[in-house]
């Protein structure tokens, strides 16, 4: 009898526990649904890493819900608003996609969408690029040095003419899936019209070289003033001033007690 009562109590406990679990689960789902319909805001996030210069498609995107106070300004709310755009920076998986990090790609090549407003894309042959060839990737920042040789003295001089210049593409590649160095034949840089003229002028006068910048280095180094060596001054002996004496000298003649002064003939 006691054994049957024990089995019955266990069965009743299991039934009551199951009912309680189902009720709790139903309440949680209702609360989540209410939050999704009311307070939460749908935003577009990256479903995978999006490299610089990549044209965004559906496989790069997914929708997630965030509290309204956690949604950053400029976030995309719909997939259709970002599909077909080009990433102007590297985007990590799970990152909320912002309008300032993408550019419209309406017509032309992908590279044209990467060029900032009022800027120009200038391509430099790899023969003109020395030092970091093979280690440049789209999105890197470089400084540009110009070197030229004086034909008279046969002495070379170098000067940094442009700083913190953005690399738009290497060869015909504006996006890369990895960070492995690649052999390139040309590098495309983003320059203003004035910077473009200065670069081409320096290339015609001599040679140019690119130096790779640290991506965390935002400071533009100042150019140290050029030290001009002056020729040593020639020490000359001071001229002795010639004192002009009187035009005629005098002679004193003493005869006994008589003293007479006469002018001497020069």
Protein backbone atom coordinates (compact mmCIF):
# COMPACT_ATOMS: atom_id res chain seq x y z
CA UNK A 1 0.00 0.00 0.00
CA UNK A 2 2.75 2.40 0.95
CA UNK A 3 4.62 1.45 -2.20
CA UNK A 4 1.66 2.33 -4.41
CA UNK A 5 1.20 5.65 -2.62
CA UNK A 6 4.88 6.49 -3.21
CA UNK A 7 4.63 5.74 -6.93
CA UNK A 8 1.49 7.86 -7.17
CA UNK A 9 3.18 10.83 -5.47
CA UNK A 10 6.16 10.59 -7.84
CA UNK A 11 3.85 10.50 -10.84
CA UNK A 12 1.90 13.52 -9.60
CA UNK A 13 5.18 15.41 -9.02
CA UNK A 14 6.36 14.68 -12.55
CA UNK A 15 3.06 15.84 -14.03
CA UNK A 16 3.05 19.06 -11.98
CA UNK A 17 6.71 19.72 -12.90
CA UNK A 18 6.00 19.27 -16.59
CA UNK A 19 3.02 21.60 -16.43
CA UNK A 20 5.10 24.23 -14.61
CA UNK A 21 7.91 23.97 -17.21
CA UNK A 22 5.45 24.34 -20.10
CA UNK A 23 3.84 27.35 -18.45
CA UNK A 24 7.20 29.03 -17.84
CA UNK A 25 8.35 28.38 -21.41
CA UNK A 26 5.11 29.79 -22.79
CA UNK A 27 5.47 32.93 -20.65
CA UNK A 28 9.07 33.51 -21.77
CA UNK A 29 8.15 33.11 -25.44
CA UNK A 30 5.28 35.56 -25.05
CA UNK A 31 7.58 38.12 -23.44
CA UNK A 32 10.18 37.73 -26.19
CA UNK A 33 7.52 38.10 -28.87
CA UNK A 34 6.15 41.20 -27.17
CA UNK A 35 9.64 42.74 -26.98
CA UNK A 36 10.30 41.94 -30.64
CA UNK A 37 7.03 43.54 -31.73
CA UNK A 38 7.24 46.52 -29.42
CA UNK A 39 10.52 47.79 -27.98
CA UNK A 40 13.20 45.99 -30.11
CA UNK A 41 14.48 47.46 -33.39
CA UNK A 42 15.62 45.36 -36.35
CA UNK A 43 19.09 46.25 -37.72
CA UNK A 44 21.38 44.73 -40.32
CA UNK A 45 24.63 43.16 -39.13
CA UNK A 46 27.49 41.38 -40.90
CA UNK A 47 26.96 37.64 -41.21
CA UNK A 48 30.69 37.25 -42.01
CA UNK A 49 33.82 39.37 -42.35
CA UNK A 50 33.47 41.87 -45.21
CA UNK A 51 36.88 42.84 -46.67
CA UNK A 52 37.66 46.35 -47.87
CA UNK A 53 36.37 47.02 -51.38
CA UNK A 54 33.90 44.10 -51.39
CA UNK A 55 30.53 44.48 -53.09
CA UNK A 56 27.91 43.50 -50.51
CA UNK A 57 25.46 40.72 -51.31
CA UNK A 58 22.83 38.79 -49.36
CA UNK A 59 25.31 36.23 -48.02
CA UNK A 60 27.14 38.97 -46.12
CA UNK A 61 24.04 40.11 -44.19
CA UNK A 62 21.61 39.07 -41.49
CA UNK A 63 18.96 40.77 -39.35
CA UNK A 64 19.07 41.07 -35.57
CA UNK A 65 16.97 42.88 -32.95
CA UNK A 66 18.45 45.47 -30.59
CA UNK A 67 16.96 47.73 -27.91
CA UNK A 68 16.19 51.15 -29.42
CA UNK A 69 18.76 52.92 -27.23
CA UNK A 70 21.48 50.54 -28.46
CA UNK A 71 20.98 51.18 -32.19
CA UNK A 72 23.82 53.43 -33.50
CA UNK A 73 23.06 56.37 -35.77
CA UNK A 74 23.17 55.54 -39.47
CA UNK A 75 22.49 51.82 -39.02
CA UNK A 76 20.78 49.98 -41.87
CA UNK A 77 17.30 48.70 -41.00
CA UNK A 78 16.61 46.67 -44.19
CA UNK A 79 18.70 44.34 -46.33
CA UNK A 80 17.66 46.11 -49.52
CA UNK A 81 19.21 49.33 -48.29
CA UNK A 82 22.77 47.98 -48.33
CA UNK A 83 22.84 45.23 -50.97
CA UNK A 84 25.00 46.22 -53.92
CA UNK A 85 27.03 48.82 -51.99
CA UNK A 86 30.83 48.64 -51.61
CA UNK A 87 32.63 48.44 -48.25
CA UNK A 88 35.05 51.33 -47.79
CA UNK A 89 36.57 49.76 -44.64
CA UNK A 90 37.03 46.26 -43.29
CA UNK A 91 33.94 45.06 -41.40
CA UNK A 92 34.02 42.27 -38.81
CA UNK A 93 31.43 39.53 -38.38
CA UNK A 94 28.53 40.55 -36.12
CA UNK A 95 29.22 44.28 -36.52
CA UNK A 96 26.25 46.60 -37.03
CA UNK A 97 26.49 47.99 -40.57
CA UNK A 98 26.62 51.79 -40.80
CA UNK A 99 26.00 53.98 -43.83
CA UNK A 100 29.30 55.83 -43.39
CA UNK A 101 31.24 52.59 -43.98
CA UNK A 102 29.77 51.86 -47.41
CA UNK A 103 29.60 53.65 -50.76
CA UNK A 104 27.06 53.48 -53.56
CA UNK A 105 28.03 51.49 -56.63
CA UNK A 106 25.78 52.68 -59.42
CA UNK A 107 27.87 52.60 -62.59
CA UNK A 108 31.47 51.94 -63.57
CA UNK A 109 34.00 49.80 -61.76
CA UNK A 110 34.09 48.98 -58.07
CA UNK A 111 37.18 51.18 -57.75
CA UNK A 112 35.19 54.26 -58.76
CA UNK A 113 32.90 53.76 -55.74
CA UNK A 114 35.93 53.72 -53.40
CA UNK A 115 37.22 57.14 -54.48
CA UNK A 116 36.20 59.80 -51.97
CA UNK A 117 34.45 62.99 -53.00
CA UNK A 118 36.74 65.56 -54.69
CA UNK A 119 39.56 63.00 -54.84
CA UNK A 120 41.24 61.19 -57.75
CA UNK A 121 42.62 57.70 -58.35
CA UNK A 122 46.18 57.74 -59.73
CA UNK A 123 47.97 54.56 -60.77
CA UNK A 124 51.75 54.20 -60.41
CA UNK A 125 53.75 51.47 -62.15
CA UNK A 126 55.55 49.02 -59.91
CA UNK A 127 58.85 50.01 -61.57
CA UNK A 128 58.40 53.39 -59.93
CA UNK A 129 57.64 51.87 -56.53
CA UNK A 130 60.57 50.64 -54.47
CA UNK A 131 60.79 49.30 -50.95
CA UNK A 132 57.35 47.83 -50.17
CA UNK A 133 56.48 46.19 -53.49
CA UNK A 134 54.63 42.96 -52.79
CA UNK A 135 53.54 44.01 -49.30
CA UNK A 136 50.93 46.60 -50.22
CA UNK A 137 47.25 45.74 -49.84
CA UNK A 138 44.11 47.79 -50.56
CA UNK A 139 43.37 50.04 -47.61
CA UNK A 140 47.00 50.54 -46.54
CA UNK A 141 48.34 54.06 -45.91
CA UNK A 142 51.70 55.17 -47.32
CA UNK A 143 54.05 58.14 -47.51
CA UNK A 144 55.61 59.10 -50.85
CA UNK A 145 59.26 60.09 -51.17
CA UNK A 146 60.81 61.72 -54.23
CA UNK A 147 64.51 61.30 -55.08
CA UNK A 148 66.52 63.11 -57.73
CA UNK A 149 70.18 63.51 -58.64
CA UNK A 150 71.99 66.76 -59.28
CA UNK A 151 73.83 66.35 -62.57
CA UNK A 152 76.50 68.88 -61.69
CA UNK A 153 77.51 67.55 -58.29
CA UNK A 154 76.25 63.98 -58.93
CA UNK A 155 74.67 64.03 -55.47
CA UNK A 156 71.24 62.53 -54.72
CA UNK A 157 68.59 64.13 -52.51
CA UNK A 158 65.33 62.75 -51.07
CA UNK A 159 62.21 64.53 -49.84
CA UNK A 160 58.85 63.36 -48.50
CA UNK A 161 56.33 65.07 -50.76
CA UNK A 162 53.04 63.37 -49.72
CA UNK A 163 51.94 61.76 -46.45
CA UNK A 164 49.19 59.44 -45.25
CA UNK A 165 48.03 58.48 -48.74
CA UNK A 166 45.40 55.74 -49.09
CA UNK A 167 46.03 52.73 -51.33
CA UNK A 168 42.85 52.06 -53.30
CA UNK A 169 43.97 49.01 -55.24
CA UNK A 170 46.94 46.87 -56.19
CA UNK A 171 46.99 45.86 -59.84
CA UNK A 172 43.30 45.40 -60.70
CA UNK A 173 42.35 44.19 -57.22
CA UNK A 174 40.45 46.54 -54.92
CA UNK A 175 39.51 43.82 -52.41
CA UNK A 176 41.42 40.92 -50.89
CA UNK A 177 40.14 37.97 -48.90
CA UNK A 178 43.38 37.54 -46.94
CA UNK A 179 46.40 39.50 -45.80
CA UNK A 180 49.02 37.53 -47.72
CA UNK A 181 51.49 39.66 -49.71
CA UNK A 182 50.99 39.51 -53.47
CA UNK A 183 53.22 40.42 -56.40
CA UNK A 184 51.89 43.57 -58.06
CA UNK A 185 52.69 45.53 -61.21
CA UNK A 186 50.83 48.73 -60.34
CA UNK A 187 49.46 50.56 -57.31
CA UNK A 188 46.47 52.91 -57.37
CA UNK A 189 46.52 55.78 -54.87
CA UNK A 190 43.82 58.20 -53.73
CA UNK A 191 45.02 61.78 -54.24
CA UNK A 192 43.61 65.26 -54.54
CA UNK A 193 44.07 67.02 -57.92
CA UNK A 194 46.95 69.09 -56.52
CA UNK A 195 48.62 66.00 -55.02
CA UNK A 196 48.26 64.22 -58.36
CA UNK A 197 50.13 66.99 -60.13
CA UNK A 198 52.87 66.97 -57.50
CA UNK A 199 53.29 63.19 -57.76
CA UNK A 200 53.54 63.16 -61.55
CA UNK A 201 55.96 66.08 -61.51
CA UNK A 202 58.22 64.29 -59.01
CA UNK A 203 58.08 61.11 -61.09
CA UNK A 204 59.25 62.97 -64.20
CA UNK A 205 62.06 64.76 -62.35
CA UNK A 206 63.42 61.64 -60.69
CA UNK A 207 62.14 58.53 -58.90
CA UNK A 208 59.50 57.95 -56.23
CA UNK A 209 59.38 55.49 -53.37
CA UNK A 210 56.54 54.43 -51.07
CA UNK A 211 56.96 53.86 -47.35
CA UNK A 212 54.31 51.81 -45.54
CA UNK A 213 52.68 53.46 -42.52
CA UNK A 214 51.44 51.79 -39.36
CA UNK A 215 47.61 51.69 -39.57
CA UNK A 216 47.41 53.02 -35.99
CA UNK A 217 49.69 55.97 -36.75
CA UNK A 218 47.33 58.90 -37.31
CA UNK A 219 49.92 61.59 -36.73
CA UNK A 220 51.41 63.23 -39.80
CA UNK A 221 55.10 63.72 -39.14
CA UNK A 222 56.50 67.15 -39.77
CA UNK A 223 59.34 67.50 -42.22
CA UNK A 224 62.58 68.45 -40.55
CA UNK A 225 63.94 71.67 -41.97
CA UNK A 226 66.72 71.14 -44.45
CA UNK A 227 70.12 72.12 -43.11
CA UNK A 228 72.04 74.17 -45.65
CA UNK A 229 75.78 74.00 -45.18
CA UNK A 230 77.39 77.34 -45.82
CA UNK A 231 80.92 77.69 -47.11
CA UNK A 232 83.39 78.60 -44.34
CA UNK A 233 84.10 82.27 -44.19
CA UNK A 234 87.52 83.30 -45.39
CA UNK A 235 89.44 85.07 -42.65
CA UNK A 236 91.26 88.11 -43.93
CA UNK A 237 93.76 90.20 -42.04
CA UNK A 238 92.40 93.57 -41.07
CA UNK A 239 93.77 96.45 -43.03
CA UNK A 240 96.02 98.78 -41.12
CA UNK A 241 94.85 102.29 -41.31
CA UNK A 242 97.52 104.63 -42.53
CA UNK A 243 97.58 107.77 -40.50
CA UNK A 244 98.04 110.77 -42.62
CA UNK A 245 100.87 112.88 -41.27
CA UNK A 246 101.26 116.53 -41.86
CA UNK A 247 101.93 117.56 -45.43
CA UNK A 248 105.19 119.27 -44.36
CA UNK A 249 107.54 118.61 -41.45
CA UNK A 250 109.31 121.28 -39.34
CA UNK A 251 112.94 121.55 -38.24
CA UNK A 252 114.11 123.35 -35.13
CA UNK A 253 117.49 125.15 -35.41
CA UNK A 254 119.33 126.23 -32.27
CA UNK A 255 122.17 128.73 -32.57
CA UNK A 256 123.48 129.69 -29.18
CA UNK A 257 120.67 131.24 -27.36
CA UNK A 258 118.57 131.68 -30.47
CA UNK A 259 115.97 129.05 -31.42
CA UNK A 260 114.36 129.13 -34.88
CA UNK A 261 111.82 126.79 -36.51
CA UNK A 262 111.88 126.24 -40.28
CA UNK A 263 109.79 124.09 -42.61
CA UNK A 264 111.63 121.23 -44.17
CA UNK A 265 111.31 120.70 -47.88
CA UNK A 266 109.50 117.42 -48.70
